[in-house]
Amino acid sequence: MSGTATIGTAAPPLDAFKVFPFRVRPQANWHESPRRFGARRANGRLHAGCDLYFPHGTEILAAADGVITRFAFFALNSTLTQKVSAMEILHAGGWIGRYCEIANALPTGLKAGSTVKAGQVIAFVGHLMDVLDVPSDMLHFEMYAGTARGSLSDFGRPPFMRRKDLLDPTPYLDAAAARLGTT
């Protein structure tokens, strides 16, 4: 599955995503199931982002300039409550990056309302391998056009269970990954 999750959502240009969220590409790519956008999940749900496998504690970089609008627990179920967090950043151009399954402690000085720059360390990979049957800790990255309002999670909107301006981050990750090591 590629392109936007919903028809009619205005996607930002590929160059809006300035920096890959890590300093290197992950060994496991984000095009394969179960890591890819749109991969099947339990109860007919589809995966709303791309999973980038990296070890617990790996630095996560801001994909573009922006402002942190939310930092809170990312509880998919009671087992995960208070295990990992999610950060939402309103990026330049109006699109939103949701950085999920990150560690609960942020770099010094960062909080909701903080301004961040593309390439700045904004978070660290969280640890879920002790509670989930996953082969690696990861960043789960979601992207939104910024054309809708309300919570990014919308459990009444199958099959993704996300707000209607959800985008497939794959082409943005691909474009940013192609620039790794070229500067």
C-alpha atoms as a PDB file:
ATOM      1  CA  MET A   1       0.000   0.000   0.000  1.00  0.00           C
ATOM      2  CA  SER A   2       1.447   3.369  -0.906  1.00  0.00           C
ATOM      3  CA  GLY A   3       0.327   6.948  -1.279  1.00  0.00           C
ATOM      4  CA  THR A   4      -2.080   8.476   1.177  1.00  0.00           C
ATOM      5  CA  ALA A   5      -4.293   6.464   3.470  1.00  0.00           C
ATOM      6  CA  THR A   6      -7.350   8.410   2.408  1.00  0.00           C
ATOM      7  CA  ILE A   7      -8.296   9.858  -0.948  1.00  0.00           C
ATOM      8  CA  GLY A   8      -8.258  13.637  -1.181  1.00  0.00           C
ATOM      9  CA  THR A   9      -5.697  14.324   1.541  1.00  0.00           C
ATOM     10  CA  ALA A  10      -3.216  16.986   0.434  1.00  0.00           C
ATOM     11  CA  ALA A  11       0.247  15.567   1.021  1.00  0.00           C
ATOM     12  CA  PRO A  12       3.267  17.810   1.598  1.00  0.00           C
ATOM     13  CA  PRO A  13       6.062  17.707  -0.995  1.00  0.00           C
ATOM     14  CA  LEU A  14       8.697  14.991  -0.513  1.00  0.00           C
ATOM     15  CA  ASP A  15      11.332  17.588   0.350  1.00  0.00           C
ATOM     16  CA  ALA A  16       9.271  18.678   3.400  1.00  0.00           C
ATOM     17  CA  PHE A  17      10.869  15.704   5.151  1.00  0.00           C
ATOM     18  CA  LYS A  18      14.414  17.088   5.506  1.00  0.00           C
ATOM     19  CA  VAL A  19      16.224  14.422   7.547  1.00  0.00           C
ATOM     20  CA  PHE A  20      15.930  10.653   8.004  1.00  0.00           C
ATOM     21  CA  PRO A  21      14.945   9.990  11.663  1.00  0.00           C
ATOM     22  CA  PHE A  22      18.237   8.124  12.284  1.00  0.00           C
ATOM     23  CA  ARG A  23      21.856   8.703  11.309  1.00  0.00           C
ATOM     24  CA  VAL A  24      21.907   5.429   9.322  1.00  0.00           C
ATOM     25  CA  ARG A  25      19.362   3.182   7.597  1.00  0.00           C
ATOM     26  CA  PRO A  26      17.963   0.313   9.656  1.00  0.00           C
ATOM     27  CA  GLN A  27      19.068  -3.174   8.593  1.00  0.00           C
ATOM     28  CA  ALA A  28      15.435  -4.276   8.222  1.00  0.00           C
ATOM     29  CA  ASN A  29      13.706  -2.041   5.690  1.00  0.00           C
ATOM     30  CA  TRP A  30      10.305  -0.448   6.176  1.00  0.00           C
ATOM     31  CA  HIS A  31       8.880  -1.875   2.917  1.00  0.00           C
ATOM     32  CA  GLU A  32       8.319  -5.398   4.257  1.00  0.00           C
ATOM     33  CA  SER A  33       5.569  -6.748   6.504  1.00  0.00           C
ATOM     34  CA  PRO A  34       5.079  -6.347   9.389  1.00  0.00           C
ATOM     35  CA  ARG A  35       7.053  -3.049   9.327  1.00  0.00           C
ATOM     36  CA  ARG A  36       5.391  -1.457   6.283  1.00  0.00           C
ATOM     37  CA  PHE A  37       2.529   1.030   6.177  1.00  0.00           C
ATOM     38  CA  GLY A  38      -0.751  -0.805   5.560  1.00  0.00           C
ATOM     39  CA  ALA A  39       0.460  -4.199   6.846  1.00  0.00           C
ATOM     40  CA  ARG A  40      -2.363  -6.272   8.317  1.00  0.00           C
ATOM     41  CA  ARG A  41      -2.814  -6.270  12.075  1.00  0.00           C
ATOM     42  CA  ALA A  42      -5.206  -8.014  14.459  1.00  0.00           C
ATOM     43  CA  ASN A  43      -8.951  -7.533  14.015  1.00  0.00           C
ATOM     44  CA  GLY A  44      -8.613  -6.282  10.420  1.00  0.00           C
ATOM     45  CA  ARG A  45      -6.737  -3.131  11.409  1.00  0.00           C
ATOM     46  CA  LEU A  46      -4.004  -1.840   9.095  1.00  0.00           C
ATOM     47  CA  HIS A  47      -0.601  -0.573  10.259  1.00  0.00           C
ATOM     48  CA  ALA A  48      -0.733   3.232  10.371  1.00  0.00           C
ATOM     49  CA  GLY A  49       3.000   3.899  10.080  1.00  0.00           C
ATOM     50  CA  CYS A  50       6.416   2.460   9.300  1.00  0.00           C
ATOM     51  CA  ASP A  51       8.520   0.656  11.887  1.00  0.00           C
ATOM     52  CA  LEU A  52      12.237   1.423  11.918  1.00  0.00           C
ATOM     53  CA  TYR A  53      14.081  -1.225  13.948  1.00  0.00           C
ATOM     54  CA  PHE A  54      16.918   0.069  16.109  1.00  0.00           C
ATOM     55  CA  PRO A  55      18.243  -0.863  19.563  1.00  0.00           C
ATOM     56  CA  HIS A  56      16.741   0.603  22.703  1.00  0.00           C
ATOM     57  CA  GLY A  57      18.258   4.018  23.426  1.00  0.00           C
ATOM     58  CA  THR A  58      19.228   4.884  19.825  1.00  0.00           C
ATOM     59  CA  GLU A  59      18.918   8.624  19.139  1.00  0.00           C
ATOM     60  CA  ILE A  60      15.921   9.731  17.046  1.00  0.00           C
ATOM     61  CA  LEU A  61      16.230  12.872  14.906  1.00  0.00           C
ATOM     62  CA  ALA A  62      13.584  15.440  13.950  1.00  0.00           C
ATOM     63  CA  ALA A  63      12.614  14.948  10.296  1.00  0.00           C
ATOM     64  CA  ALA A  64      12.126  18.711   9.816  1.00  0.00           C
ATOM     65  CA  ASP A  65      11.917  21.956  11.774  1.00  0.00           C
ATOM     66  CA  GLY A  66       8.860  22.212  13.994  1.00  0.00           C
ATOM     67  CA  VAL A  67       7.239  22.503  17.404  1.00  0.00           C
ATOM     68  CA  ILE A  68       6.522  19.628  19.778  1.00  0.00           C
ATOM     69  CA  THR A  69       2.754  19.739  20.285  1.00  0.00           C
ATOM     70  CA  ARG A  70       2.338  16.634  22.431  1.00  0.00           C
ATOM     71  CA  PHE A  71       4.435  14.191  24.448  1.00  0.00           C
ATOM     72  CA  ALA A  72       2.524  11.492  26.305  1.00  0.00           C
ATOM     73  CA  PHE A  73       2.341   7.769  26.999  1.00  0.00           C
ATOM     74  CA  PHE A  74       1.643   5.708  23.870  1.00  0.00           C
ATOM     75  CA  ALA A  75      -0.591   3.039  25.372  1.00  0.00           C
ATOM     76  CA  LEU A  76      -1.927   0.610  22.802  1.00  0.00           C
ATOM     77  CA  ASN A  77      -3.135  -1.667  25.576  1.00  0.00           C
ATOM     78  CA  SER A  78      -2.808  -1.943  29.342  1.00  0.00           C
ATOM     79  CA  THR A  79       0.359  -4.054  29.071  1.00  0.00           C
ATOM     80  CA  LEU A  80       2.129  -1.157  27.344  1.00  0.00           C
ATOM     81  CA  THR A  81       0.814   1.632  29.538  1.00  0.00           C
ATOM     82  CA  GLN A  82       3.761   3.678  30.774  1.00  0.00           C
ATOM     83  CA  LYS A  83       6.276   1.544  28.812  1.00  0.00           C
ATOM     84  CA  VAL A  84       6.761   3.919  25.883  1.00  0.00           C
ATOM     85  CA  SER A  85       5.651   7.361  24.769  1.00  0.00           C
ATOM     86  CA  ALA A  86       4.724   9.224  21.604  1.00  0.00           C
ATOM     87  CA  MET A  87       5.763  12.674  20.442  1.00  0.00           C
ATOM     88  CA  GLU A  88       3.783  14.729  17.963  1.00  0.00           C
ATOM     89  CA  ILE A  89       5.553  17.520  16.097  1.00  0.00           C
ATOM     90  CA  LEU A  90       3.867  20.140  13.941  1.00  0.00           C
ATOM     91  CA  HIS A  91       6.521  20.448  11.249  1.00  0.00           C
ATOM     92  CA  ALA A  92       7.230  23.399   8.946  1.00  0.00           C
ATOM     93  CA  GLY A  93       4.650  23.390   6.166  1.00  0.00           C
ATOM     94  CA  GLY A  94       1.883  22.183   8.494  1.00  0.00           C
ATOM     95  CA  TRP A  95       2.369  18.408   8.387  1.00  0.00           C
ATOM     96  CA  ILE A  96       2.561  16.351  11.587  1.00  0.00           C
ATOM     97  CA  GLY A  97       5.101  13.690  12.472  1.00  0.00           C
ATOM     98  CA  ARG A  98       4.134  11.221  15.182  1.00  0.00           C
ATOM     99  CA  TYR A  99       7.186   9.507  16.679  1.00  0.00           C
ATOM    100  CA  CYS A 100       5.909   6.492  18.638  1.00  0.00           C
ATOM    101  CA  GLU A 101       7.275   3.789  20.913  1.00  0.00           C
ATOM    102  CA  ILE A 102       9.958   6.166  22.136  1.00  0.00           C
ATOM    103  CA  ALA A 103      11.558   6.236  25.582  1.00  0.00           C
ATOM    104  CA  ASN A 104       9.657   8.106  28.283  1.00  0.00           C
ATOM    105  CA  ALA A 105      12.620  10.422  28.986  1.00  0.00           C
ATOM    106  CA  LEU A 106      13.346  13.182  26.474  1.00  0.00           C
ATOM    107  CA  PRO A 107      16.659  14.936  25.873  1.00  0.00           C
ATOM    108  CA  THR A 108      17.265  17.719  28.408  1.00  0.00           C
ATOM    109  CA  GLY A 109      15.112  20.781  27.852  1.00  0.00           C
ATOM    110  CA  LEU A 110      12.598  19.271  25.420  1.00  0.00           C
ATOM    111  CA  LYS A 111       8.883  19.245  26.223  1.00  0.00           C
ATOM    112  CA  ALA A 112       5.566  20.127  24.604  1.00  0.00           C
ATOM    113  CA  GLY A 113       5.972  23.628  23.188  1.00  0.00           C
ATOM    114  CA  SER A 114       9.687  23.267  22.414  1.00  0.00           C
ATOM    115  CA  THR A 115      10.943  24.296  18.982  1.00  0.00           C
ATOM    116  CA  VAL A 116      13.104  21.693  17.218  1.00  0.00           C
ATOM    117  CA  LYS A 117      15.357  21.813  14.153  1.00  0.00           C
ATOM    118  CA  ALA A 118      15.712  19.209  11.403  1.00  0.00           C
ATOM    119  CA  GLY A 119      18.336  16.672  12.491  1.00  0.00           C
ATOM    120  CA  GLN A 120      18.129  17.571  16.195  1.00  0.00           C
ATOM    121  CA  VAL A 121      18.021  14.653  18.653  1.00  0.00           C
ATOM    122  CA  ILE A 122      14.439  14.701  19.904  1.00  0.00           C
ATOM    123  CA  ALA A 123      13.991  11.291  21.526  1.00  0.00           C
ATOM    124  CA  PHE A 124      15.379   7.786  22.018  1.00  0.00           C
ATOM    125  CA  VAL A 125      14.065   4.393  20.903  1.00  0.00           C
ATOM    126  CA  GLY A 126      11.915   2.877  23.658  1.00  0.00           C
ATOM    127  CA  HIS A 127      11.927  -0.698  24.909  1.00  0.00           C
ATOM    128  CA  LEU A 128       9.031  -3.071  24.200  1.00  0.00           C
ATOM    129  CA  MET A 129      10.794  -6.359  23.513  1.00  0.00           C
ATOM    130  CA  ASP A 130      10.080  -7.421  27.096  1.00  0.00           C
ATOM    131  CA  VAL A 131       6.294  -7.140  26.614  1.00  0.00           C
ATOM    132  CA  LEU A 132       5.676  -7.689  22.890  1.00  0.00           C
ATOM    133  CA  ASP A 133       6.665 -10.487  20.553  1.00  0.00           C
ATOM    134  CA  VAL A 134       8.740  -8.236  18.273  1.00  0.00           C
ATOM    135  CA  PRO A 135      12.214  -8.899  16.871  1.00  0.00           C
ATOM    136  CA  SER A 136      13.545  -5.450  17.768  1.00  0.00           C
ATOM    137  CA  ASP A 137      12.817  -2.247  19.608  1.00  0.00           C
ATOM    138  CA  MET A 138      11.787   0.433  17.122  1.00  0.00           C
ATOM    139  CA  LEU A 139      10.521   3.824  16.154  1.00  0.00           C
ATOM    140  CA  HIS A 140       6.959   3.574  14.857  1.00  0.00           C
ATOM    141  CA  PHE A 141       6.622   6.650  12.610  1.00  0.00           C
ATOM    142  CA  GLU A 142       3.316   8.089  11.437  1.00  0.00           C
ATOM    143  CA  MET A 143       2.686  11.112   9.232  1.00  0.00           C
ATOM    144  CA  TYR A 144      -0.353  13.392   8.846  1.00  0.00           C
ATOM    145  CA  ALA A 145      -1.079  16.104   6.270  1.00  0.00           C
ATOM    146  CA  GLY A 146      -2.268  18.524   8.957  1.00  0.00           C
ATOM    147  CA  THR A 147      -5.554  19.132   7.139  1.00  0.00           C
ATOM    148  CA  ALA A 148      -7.840  17.642   9.815  1.00  0.00           C
ATOM    149  CA  ARG A 149      -8.428  18.424  13.501  1.00  0.00           C
ATOM    150  CA  GLY A 150      -8.617  16.358  16.658  1.00  0.00           C
ATOM    151  CA  SER A 151      -6.710  13.416  18.076  1.00  0.00           C
ATOM    152  CA  LEU A 152      -4.471  11.529  15.632  1.00  0.00           C
ATOM    153  CA  SER A 153      -5.868   8.217  16.900  1.00  0.00           C
ATOM    154  CA  ASP A 154      -9.478   7.690  15.882  1.00  0.00           C
ATOM    155  CA  PHE A 155     -10.620   4.179  16.789  1.00  0.00           C
ATOM    156  CA  GLY A 156     -13.897   4.759  14.970  1.00  0.00           C
ATOM    157  CA  ARG A 157     -12.159   5.096  11.565  1.00  0.00           C
ATOM    158  CA  PRO A 158     -11.273   1.653  10.254  1.00  0.00           C
ATOM    159  CA  PRO A 159      -9.098   0.248   8.865  1.00  0.00           C
ATOM    160  CA  PHE A 160      -6.207   2.399  10.168  1.00  0.00           C
ATOM    161  CA  MET A 161      -7.932   3.722  13.315  1.00  0.00           C
ATOM    162  CA  ARG A 162      -6.372   7.129  12.679  1.00  0.00           C
ATOM    163  CA  ARG A 163      -7.451  10.629  11.722  1.00  0.00           C
ATOM    164  CA  LYS A 164      -8.539  11.101   8.089  1.00  0.00           C
ATOM    165  CA  ASP A 165      -5.392  13.029   7.053  1.00  0.00           C
ATOM    166  CA  LEU A 166      -3.086  10.053   7.743  1.00  0.00           C
ATOM    167  CA  LEU A 167      -0.350   9.701   5.099  1.00  0.00           C
ATOM    168  CA  ASP A 168       1.891   6.836   4.041  1.00  0.00           C
ATOM    169  CA  PRO A 169       5.370   7.899   5.275  1.00  0.00           C
ATOM    170  CA  THR A 170       7.164   5.420   2.976  1.00  0.00           C
ATOM    171  CA  PRO A 171       8.038   7.792   0.092  1.00  0.00           C
ATOM    172  CA  TYR A 172       9.243  10.433   2.585  1.00  0.00           C
ATOM    173  CA  LEU A 173      11.451   7.929   4.400  1.00  0.00           C
ATOM    174  CA  ASP A 174      12.760   6.688   1.041  1.00  0.00           C
ATOM    175  CA  ALA A 175      13.661  10.206  -0.121  1.00  0.00           C
ATOM    176  CA  ALA A 176      15.377  11.094   3.178  1.00  0.00           C
ATOM    177  CA  ALA A 177      17.232   7.753   3.292  1.00  0.00           C
ATOM    178  CA  ALA A 178      18.551   8.364  -0.229  1.00  0.00           C
ATOM    179  CA  ARG A 179      20.228  11.532   1.103  1.00  0.00           C
ATOM    180  CA  LEU A 180      22.010   9.774   3.991  1.00  0.00           C
ATOM    181  CA  GLY A 181      25.738  10.166   3.672  1.00  0.00           C
ATOM    182  CA  THR A 182      25.524  12.591   0.747  1.00  0.00           C
ATOM    183  CA  THR A 183      26.300  15.798   2.650  1.00  0.00           C
END
